């Protein structure tokens, strides 16, 4: 199983800009909740879908859509 790299979080929102739009804040919140229980990519996708949090296209998350979203946010 592929895992995302482990990153130690030292504050409530270590890398979250205060001016983020509400939808990015919601994504960050649900992602934090999922990451509290797993770092395996397939399990993260499953956790996002289980919580009913839609992918950017309005559908279900896939490994590819999660990778794309994280890459997009990493460039922002």
C-alpha atoms as a PDB file:
ATOM      1  CA  UNK A   1       0.000   0.000   0.000  1.00  0.00           C
ATOM      2  CA  UNK A   2       1.248   3.433  -0.883  1.00  0.00           C
ATOM      3  CA  UNK A   3       1.349   5.946   1.932  1.00  0.00           C
ATOM      4  CA  UNK A   4       1.574   9.698   1.937  1.00  0.00           C
ATOM      5  CA  UNK A   5       4.710  11.008   3.641  1.00  0.00           C
ATOM      6  CA  UNK A   6       4.461  11.581   7.379  1.00  0.00           C
ATOM      7  CA  UNK A   7       4.461  15.258   8.318  1.00  0.00           C
ATOM      8  CA  UNK A   8       4.425  16.380  11.932  1.00  0.00           C
ATOM      9  CA  UNK A   9       1.822  19.066  12.551  1.00  0.00           C
ATOM     10  CA  UNK A  10       2.841  21.437  15.331  1.00  0.00           C
ATOM     11  CA  UNK A  11      -0.171  23.737  15.281  1.00  0.00           C
ATOM     12  CA  UNK A  12      -3.874  23.519  14.519  1.00  0.00           C
ATOM     13  CA  UNK A  13      -3.462  24.596  10.888  1.00  0.00           C
ATOM     14  CA  UNK A  14       0.253  24.782  10.306  1.00  0.00           C
ATOM     15  CA  UNK A  15       0.144  25.503   6.581  1.00  0.00           C
ATOM     16  CA  UNK A  16      -3.394  26.819   6.082  1.00  0.00           C
ATOM     17  CA  UNK A  17      -3.526  30.452   4.990  1.00  0.00           C
ATOM     18  CA  UNK A  18      -6.083  32.534   6.857  1.00  0.00           C
ATOM     19  CA  UNK A  19      -7.514  33.853   3.578  1.00  0.00           C
ATOM     20  CA  UNK A  20      -8.429  30.436   2.133  1.00  0.00           C
ATOM     21  CA  UNK A  21     -11.924  30.164   0.641  1.00  0.00           C
ATOM     22  CA  UNK A  22     -14.455  28.295   2.763  1.00  0.00           C
ATOM     23  CA  UNK A  23     -14.462  25.238   0.457  1.00  0.00           C
ATOM     24  CA  UNK A  24     -10.688  24.797   0.907  1.00  0.00           C
ATOM     25  CA  UNK A  25     -11.059  25.132   4.657  1.00  0.00           C
ATOM     26  CA  UNK A  26     -13.745  22.446   4.604  1.00  0.00           C
ATOM     27  CA  UNK A  27     -11.468  20.178   2.529  1.00  0.00           C
ATOM     28  CA  UNK A  28      -8.605  20.757   4.956  1.00  0.00           C
ATOM     29  CA  UNK A  29     -10.850  19.953   7.936  1.00  0.00           C
ATOM     30  CA  UNK A  30     -12.096  16.657   6.499  1.00  0.00           C
ATOM     31  CA  UNK A  31      -8.613  15.725   5.292  1.00  0.00           C
ATOM     32  CA  UNK A  32      -7.201  16.341   8.784  1.00  0.00           C
ATOM     33  CA  UNK A  33      -9.886  14.076  10.236  1.00  0.00           C
ATOM     34  CA  UNK A  34      -9.115  11.308   7.749  1.00  0.00           C
ATOM     35  CA  UNK A  35      -5.347  11.635   8.233  1.00  0.00           C
ATOM     36  CA  UNK A  36      -5.794  11.176  11.982  1.00  0.00           C
ATOM     37  CA  UNK A  37      -6.564   7.524  11.262  1.00  0.00           C
ATOM     38  CA  UNK A  38      -4.472   6.612   8.215  1.00  0.00           C
ATOM     39  CA  UNK A  39      -1.745   7.678   5.829  1.00  0.00           C
ATOM     40  CA  UNK A  40      -2.476   5.109   3.114  1.00  0.00           C
ATOM     41  CA  UNK A  41      -3.649   6.742  -0.082  1.00  0.00           C
ATOM     42  CA  UNK A  42      -6.497   4.311  -0.771  1.00  0.00           C
ATOM     43  CA  UNK A  43      -7.760   4.642   2.803  1.00  0.00           C
ATOM     44  CA  UNK A  44      -7.635   8.448   2.597  1.00  0.00           C
ATOM     45  CA  UNK A  45      -9.742   8.326  -0.574  1.00  0.00           C
ATOM     46  CA  UNK A  46     -12.142   5.935   1.148  1.00  0.00           C
ATOM     47  CA  UNK A  47     -12.329   8.236   4.186  1.00  0.00           C
ATOM     48  CA  UNK A  48     -13.155  11.302   2.091  1.00  0.00           C
ATOM     49  CA  UNK A  49     -15.889   9.382   0.281  1.00  0.00           C
ATOM     50  CA  UNK A  50     -17.248   7.843   3.507  1.00  0.00           C
ATOM     51  CA  UNK A  51     -17.642  11.329   4.967  1.00  0.00           C
ATOM     52  CA  UNK A  52     -19.618  12.406   1.904  1.00  0.00           C
ATOM     53  CA  UNK A  53     -17.106  15.078   0.923  1.00  0.00           C
ATOM     54  CA  UNK A  54     -17.327  15.465  -2.858  1.00  0.00           C
ATOM     55  CA  UNK A  55     -14.318  15.709  -5.138  1.00  0.00           C
ATOM     56  CA  UNK A  56     -13.839  18.992  -7.049  1.00  0.00           C
ATOM     57  CA  UNK A  57     -15.894  17.623  -9.971  1.00  0.00           C
ATOM     58  CA  UNK A  58     -18.771  16.866  -7.589  1.00  0.00           C
ATOM     59  CA  UNK A  59     -18.231  13.101  -7.756  1.00  0.00           C
ATOM     60  CA  UNK A  60     -16.433  10.569  -5.648  1.00  0.00           C
ATOM     61  CA  UNK A  61     -12.735  10.841  -4.851  1.00  0.00           C
ATOM     62  CA  UNK A  62     -10.231   8.601  -6.586  1.00  0.00           C
ATOM     63  CA  UNK A  63      -6.506   8.306  -5.975  1.00  0.00           C
ATOM     64  CA  UNK A  64      -5.941  10.326  -9.158  1.00  0.00           C
ATOM     65  CA  UNK A  65      -8.329  13.116  -8.153  1.00  0.00           C
ATOM     66  CA  UNK A  66      -6.800  13.363  -4.679  1.00  0.00           C
ATOM     67  CA  UNK A  67      -3.275  13.504  -6.107  1.00  0.00           C
ATOM     68  CA  UNK A  68      -4.372  16.210  -8.563  1.00  0.00           C
ATOM     69  CA  UNK A  69      -6.062  18.273  -5.855  1.00  0.00           C
ATOM     70  CA  UNK A  70      -3.071  18.063  -3.522  1.00  0.00           C
ATOM     71  CA  UNK A  71      -0.699  18.977  -6.355  1.00  0.00           C
ATOM     72  CA  UNK A  72      -2.906  21.946  -7.264  1.00  0.00           C
ATOM     73  CA  UNK A  73      -2.947  23.178  -3.674  1.00  0.00           C
ATOM     74  CA  UNK A  74       0.803  22.678  -3.409  1.00  0.00           C
ATOM     75  CA  UNK A  75       1.317  25.123  -6.276  1.00  0.00           C
ATOM     76  CA  UNK A  76      -0.993  27.746  -4.784  1.00  0.00           C
END
